[in-house]
Amino acid sequence: MGLDKVKKTPCGFCFVEYYTREEAENAMRYVNGTRLDDRIIRTDWDTGFKEGRQYGRGKSGGQVRDEYRSDFDEGRGGYGKIVQTKIRPRDPL
């Protein structure tokens, strides 16, 4: 989630990463223009890193992280953490 670099408060945007381009395209197609808490959701493709934009990027761009948040909004997903796991193929029977 984008946070103001001085106040550490939400700016009203976030970056979402998908495992496949198809999943990202579906989000663009089906989420863009929907409403959440009386706000219209807008989705855009990230154009990549540009100098001076560090506080507008997550993960590797210097974005202030959600760990600094003091609020908890269960209606917006709370403090959820990104979890990644690899699924191992089953052993043959």
N, C-alpha and C. Protein backbone atom coordinates (compact mmCIF):
# COMPACT_ATOMS: atom_id res chain seq x y z
N MET A 1 0.85 -1.16 0.00
CA MET A 1 0.00 0.00 0.00
C MET A 1 0.89 1.22 0.00
N GLY A 2 0.52 2.21 -0.77
CA GLY A 2 1.28 3.45 -0.81
C GLY A 2 1.08 4.26 0.45
N LEU A 3 2.17 4.68 1.07
CA LEU A 3 2.11 5.51 2.27
C LEU A 3 2.84 6.83 2.02
N ASP A 4 2.31 7.89 2.60
CA ASP A 4 2.96 9.19 2.54
C ASP A 4 4.33 9.08 3.19
N LYS A 5 5.39 9.56 2.52
CA LYS A 5 6.74 9.36 3.03
C LYS A 5 7.03 10.13 4.30
N VAL A 6 6.28 11.17 4.60
CA VAL A 6 6.49 11.95 5.82
C VAL A 6 5.54 11.51 6.93
N LYS A 7 4.25 11.46 6.62
CA LYS A 7 3.24 11.15 7.64
C LYS A 7 3.06 9.66 7.87
N LYS A 8 3.51 8.83 6.94
CA LYS A 8 3.34 7.37 7.02
C LYS A 8 1.87 6.96 7.07
N THR A 9 1.02 7.74 6.39
CA THR A 9 -0.41 7.44 6.31
C THR A 9 -0.74 6.99 4.89
N PRO A 10 -1.80 6.19 4.70
CA PRO A 10 -2.14 5.69 3.37
C PRO A 10 -2.43 6.81 2.38
N CYS A 11 -1.92 6.65 1.16
CA CYS A 11 -2.15 7.62 0.08
C CYS A 11 -3.36 7.23 -0.77
N GLY A 12 -3.87 6.04 -0.58
CA GLY A 12 -5.04 5.62 -1.36
C GLY A 12 -4.71 4.77 -2.57
N PHE A 13 -3.53 4.17 -2.60
CA PHE A 13 -3.20 3.28 -3.71
C PHE A 13 -2.34 2.14 -3.19
N CYS A 14 -2.21 1.11 -4.02
CA CYS A 14 -1.33 0.00 -3.68
C CYS A 14 -0.85 -0.66 -4.96
N PHE A 15 0.16 -1.50 -4.83
CA PHE A 15 0.65 -2.29 -5.95
C PHE A 15 0.32 -3.74 -5.65
N VAL A 16 -0.13 -4.44 -6.67
CA VAL A 16 -0.46 -5.86 -6.53
C VAL A 16 0.35 -6.62 -7.57
N GLU A 17 0.97 -7.70 -7.14
CA GLU A 17 1.73 -8.55 -8.06
C GLU A 17 0.98 -9.86 -8.27
N TYR A 18 0.96 -10.31 -9.52
CA TYR A 18 0.31 -11.57 -9.86
C TYR A 18 1.36 -12.54 -10.38
N TYR A 19 1.08 -13.82 -10.26
CA TYR A 19 2.01 -14.84 -10.73
C TYR A 19 2.03 -14.94 -12.25
N THR A 20 0.89 -14.69 -12.88
CA THR A 20 0.84 -14.80 -14.34
C THR A 20 0.26 -13.53 -14.95
N ARG A 21 0.59 -13.29 -16.19
CA ARG A 21 0.03 -12.14 -16.90
C ARG A 21 -1.48 -12.28 -17.03
N GLU A 22 -1.97 -13.50 -17.24
CA GLU A 22 -3.41 -13.73 -17.37
C GLU A 22 -4.15 -13.27 -16.12
N GLU A 23 -3.62 -13.58 -14.93
CA GLU A 23 -4.25 -13.14 -13.68
C GLU A 23 -4.27 -11.61 -13.61
N ALA A 24 -3.18 -10.98 -14.01
CA ALA A 24 -3.12 -9.51 -13.99
C ALA A 24 -4.12 -8.92 -14.98
N GLU A 25 -4.22 -9.51 -16.16
CA GLU A 25 -5.18 -9.03 -17.16
C GLU A 25 -6.61 -9.18 -16.67
N ASN A 26 -6.90 -10.29 -15.97
CA ASN A 26 -8.24 -10.48 -15.41
C ASN A 26 -8.56 -9.42 -14.36
N ALA A 27 -7.58 -9.08 -13.53
CA ALA A 27 -7.79 -8.02 -12.54
C ALA A 27 -8.08 -6.71 -13.24
N MET A 28 -7.32 -6.41 -14.27
CA MET A 28 -7.55 -5.17 -15.03
C MET A 28 -8.96 -5.17 -15.63
N ARG A 29 -9.37 -6.30 -16.15
CA ARG A 29 -10.66 -6.41 -16.83
C ARG A 29 -11.84 -6.38 -15.85
N TYR A 30 -11.73 -7.12 -14.74
CA TYR A 30 -12.89 -7.31 -13.88
C TYR A 30 -12.91 -6.45 -12.62
N VAL A 31 -11.78 -5.91 -12.21
CA VAL A 31 -11.74 -5.10 -10.99
C VAL A 31 -11.84 -3.61 -11.32
N ASN A 32 -11.25 -3.21 -12.43
CA ASN A 32 -11.25 -1.80 -12.81
C ASN A 32 -12.69 -1.27 -12.91
N GLY A 33 -12.94 -0.16 -12.23
CA GLY A 33 -14.26 0.46 -12.28
C GLY A 33 -15.24 -0.04 -11.24
N THR A 34 -14.87 -1.05 -10.46
CA THR A 34 -15.77 -1.54 -9.41
C THR A 34 -15.74 -0.58 -8.22
N ARG A 35 -16.67 -0.74 -7.32
CA ARG A 35 -16.81 0.16 -6.18
C ARG A 35 -16.47 -0.58 -4.89
N LEU A 36 -15.71 0.09 -4.01
CA LEU A 36 -15.38 -0.43 -2.69
C LEU A 36 -15.53 0.71 -1.69
N ASP A 37 -16.43 0.56 -0.74
CA ASP A 37 -16.66 1.60 0.27
C ASP A 37 -16.88 2.96 -0.36
N ASP A 38 -17.76 3.03 -1.33
CA ASP A 38 -18.09 4.28 -2.02
C ASP A 38 -16.93 4.90 -2.78
N ARG A 39 -15.93 4.11 -3.09
CA ARG A 39 -14.80 4.59 -3.90
C ARG A 39 -14.70 3.72 -5.15
N ILE A 40 -14.40 4.35 -6.25
CA ILE A 40 -14.23 3.62 -7.50
C ILE A 40 -12.78 3.12 -7.57
N ILE A 41 -12.64 1.82 -7.82
CA ILE A 41 -11.31 1.21 -7.94
C ILE A 41 -10.81 1.43 -9.37
N ARG A 42 -9.59 1.91 -9.48
CA ARG A 42 -8.97 2.10 -10.79
C ARG A 42 -7.71 1.25 -10.86
N THR A 43 -7.57 0.49 -11.93
CA THR A 43 -6.37 -0.33 -12.10
C THR A 43 -5.58 0.19 -13.29
N ASP A 44 -4.26 0.18 -13.15
CA ASP A 44 -3.35 0.60 -14.22
C ASP A 44 -2.16 -0.34 -14.23
N TRP A 45 -1.52 -0.47 -15.38
CA TRP A 45 -0.27 -1.20 -15.46
C TRP A 45 0.83 -0.33 -14.89
N ASP A 46 1.73 -0.93 -14.13
CA ASP A 46 2.89 -0.21 -13.62
C ASP A 46 3.88 -0.02 -14.77
N THR A 47 4.34 1.21 -14.94
CA THR A 47 5.25 1.51 -16.05
C THR A 47 6.71 1.24 -15.70
N GLY A 48 6.97 0.82 -14.47
CA GLY A 48 8.33 0.52 -14.07
C GLY A 48 8.96 1.64 -13.26
N PHE A 49 10.18 1.41 -12.82
CA PHE A 49 10.87 2.36 -11.96
C PHE A 49 11.27 3.62 -12.72
N LYS A 50 11.06 4.77 -12.08
CA LYS A 50 11.53 6.06 -12.59
C LYS A 50 12.08 6.83 -11.41
N GLU A 51 13.23 7.45 -11.59
CA GLU A 51 13.85 8.23 -10.51
C GLU A 51 12.86 9.29 -10.02
N GLY A 52 12.81 9.46 -8.70
CA GLY A 52 11.89 10.43 -8.10
C GLY A 52 10.53 9.84 -7.77
N ARG A 53 10.31 8.59 -8.15
CA ARG A 53 9.03 7.93 -7.93
C ARG A 53 9.13 6.88 -6.83
N GLN A 54 10.20 6.88 -6.05
CA GLN A 54 10.45 5.82 -5.09
C GLN A 54 9.32 5.65 -4.09
N TYR A 55 8.65 6.71 -3.69
CA TYR A 55 7.58 6.56 -2.71
C TYR A 55 6.27 6.19 -3.38
N GLY A 56 6.32 5.87 -4.64
CA GLY A 56 5.14 5.39 -5.34
C GLY A 56 5.30 3.94 -5.74
N ARG A 57 6.30 3.25 -5.19
CA ARG A 57 6.53 1.86 -5.54
C ARG A 57 6.71 1.01 -4.29
N GLY A 58 6.25 -0.20 -4.39
CA GLY A 58 6.45 -1.14 -3.31
C GLY A 58 7.66 -2.01 -3.55
N LYS A 59 7.89 -2.92 -2.68
CA LYS A 59 8.91 -3.96 -2.74
C LYS A 59 10.32 -3.42 -2.94
N SER A 60 10.74 -3.13 -4.15
CA SER A 60 12.13 -2.77 -4.38
C SER A 60 12.35 -1.28 -4.60
N GLY A 61 11.30 -0.47 -4.55
CA GLY A 61 11.45 0.94 -4.89
C GLY A 61 11.51 1.87 -3.70
N GLY A 62 11.77 1.38 -2.51
CA GLY A 62 11.91 2.26 -1.36
C GLY A 62 10.59 2.63 -0.71
N GLN A 63 9.52 1.95 -1.04
CA GLN A 63 8.21 2.28 -0.48
C GLN A 63 8.19 2.04 1.02
N VAL A 64 7.58 2.97 1.74
CA VAL A 64 7.38 2.79 3.18
C VAL A 64 6.43 1.62 3.35
N ARG A 65 6.78 0.69 4.18
CA ARG A 65 6.02 -0.56 4.28
C ARG A 65 4.85 -0.47 5.25
N ASP A 66 3.93 -1.39 5.07
CA ASP A 66 2.75 -1.46 5.92
C ASP A 66 3.08 -1.75 7.38
N GLU A 67 4.28 -2.24 7.67
CA GLU A 67 4.62 -2.53 9.07
C GLU A 67 4.56 -1.28 9.93
N TYR A 68 4.64 -0.11 9.30
CA TYR A 68 4.60 1.15 10.05
C TYR A 68 3.18 1.61 10.33
N ARG A 69 2.20 0.91 9.79
CA ARG A 69 0.81 1.33 10.00
C ARG A 69 0.38 1.06 11.43
N SER A 70 -0.40 1.98 11.98
CA SER A 70 -0.92 1.77 13.33
C SER A 70 -2.42 1.49 13.31
N ASP A 71 -3.03 1.58 12.14
CA ASP A 71 -4.47 1.34 12.04
C ASP A 71 -4.73 -0.10 11.60
N PHE A 72 -5.93 -0.55 11.85
CA PHE A 72 -6.35 -1.88 11.44
C PHE A 72 -7.76 -1.76 10.92
N ASP A 73 -7.96 -2.06 9.64
CA ASP A 73 -9.28 -1.96 9.04
C ASP A 73 -9.66 -3.34 8.51
N GLU A 74 -10.38 -4.09 9.33
CA GLU A 74 -10.75 -5.46 8.96
C GLU A 74 -11.54 -5.49 7.66
N GLY A 75 -12.34 -4.45 7.42
CA GLY A 75 -13.14 -4.39 6.21
C GLY A 75 -12.31 -4.29 4.94
N ARG A 76 -11.05 -3.88 5.07
CA ARG A 76 -10.17 -3.77 3.91
C ARG A 76 -9.07 -4.83 3.96
N GLY A 77 -9.26 -5.86 4.74
CA GLY A 77 -8.30 -6.95 4.75
C GLY A 77 -7.37 -6.97 5.93
N GLY A 78 -7.45 -5.96 6.81
CA GLY A 78 -6.63 -5.96 8.02
C GLY A 78 -5.16 -5.83 7.72
N TYR A 79 -4.37 -6.56 8.47
CA TYR A 79 -2.91 -6.50 8.34
C TYR A 79 -2.35 -7.67 7.55
N GLY A 80 -3.11 -8.27 6.69
CA GLY A 80 -2.68 -9.49 6.01
C GLY A 80 -1.27 -9.42 5.45
N LYS A 81 -0.57 -10.54 5.46
CA LYS A 81 0.79 -10.62 4.94
C LYS A 81 0.79 -11.46 3.67
N ILE A 82 1.70 -11.12 2.78
CA ILE A 82 1.84 -11.90 1.56
C ILE A 82 2.54 -13.20 1.92
N VAL A 83 1.97 -14.29 1.48
CA VAL A 83 2.55 -15.60 1.76
C VAL A 83 2.74 -16.31 0.43
N GLN A 84 3.91 -16.86 0.24
CA GLN A 84 4.18 -17.62 -0.97
C GLN A 84 4.68 -18.98 -0.56
N THR A 85 4.18 -19.99 -1.21
CA THR A 85 4.62 -21.34 -0.92
C THR A 85 4.71 -22.11 -2.23
N LYS A 86 5.58 -23.07 -2.27
CA LYS A 86 5.69 -23.91 -3.45
C LYS A 86 4.97 -25.22 -3.16
N ILE A 87 4.17 -25.64 -4.11
CA ILE A 87 3.43 -26.88 -3.95
C ILE A 87 4.24 -28.00 -4.57
N ARG A 88 4.49 -28.98 -3.74
CA ARG A 88 5.27 -30.14 -4.18
C ARG A 88 4.35 -31.13 -4.87
N PRO A 89 4.78 -31.73 -5.98
CA PRO A 89 3.95 -32.75 -6.62
C PRO A 89 3.75 -33.94 -5.68
N ARG A 90 2.62 -34.56 -5.78
CA ARG A 90 2.35 -35.75 -4.96
C ARG A 90 3.25 -36.90 -5.38
N ASP A 91 3.57 -37.73 -4.42
CA ASP A 91 4.32 -38.95 -4.72
C ASP A 91 3.42 -39.90 -5.49
N PRO A 92 3.97 -40.59 -6.48
CA PRO A 92 3.15 -41.55 -7.24
C PRO A 92 2.61 -42.64 -6.31
N LEU A 93 1.43 -43.08 -6.61
CA LEU A 93 0.80 -44.14 -5.79
C LEU A 93 1.40 -45.48 -6.06
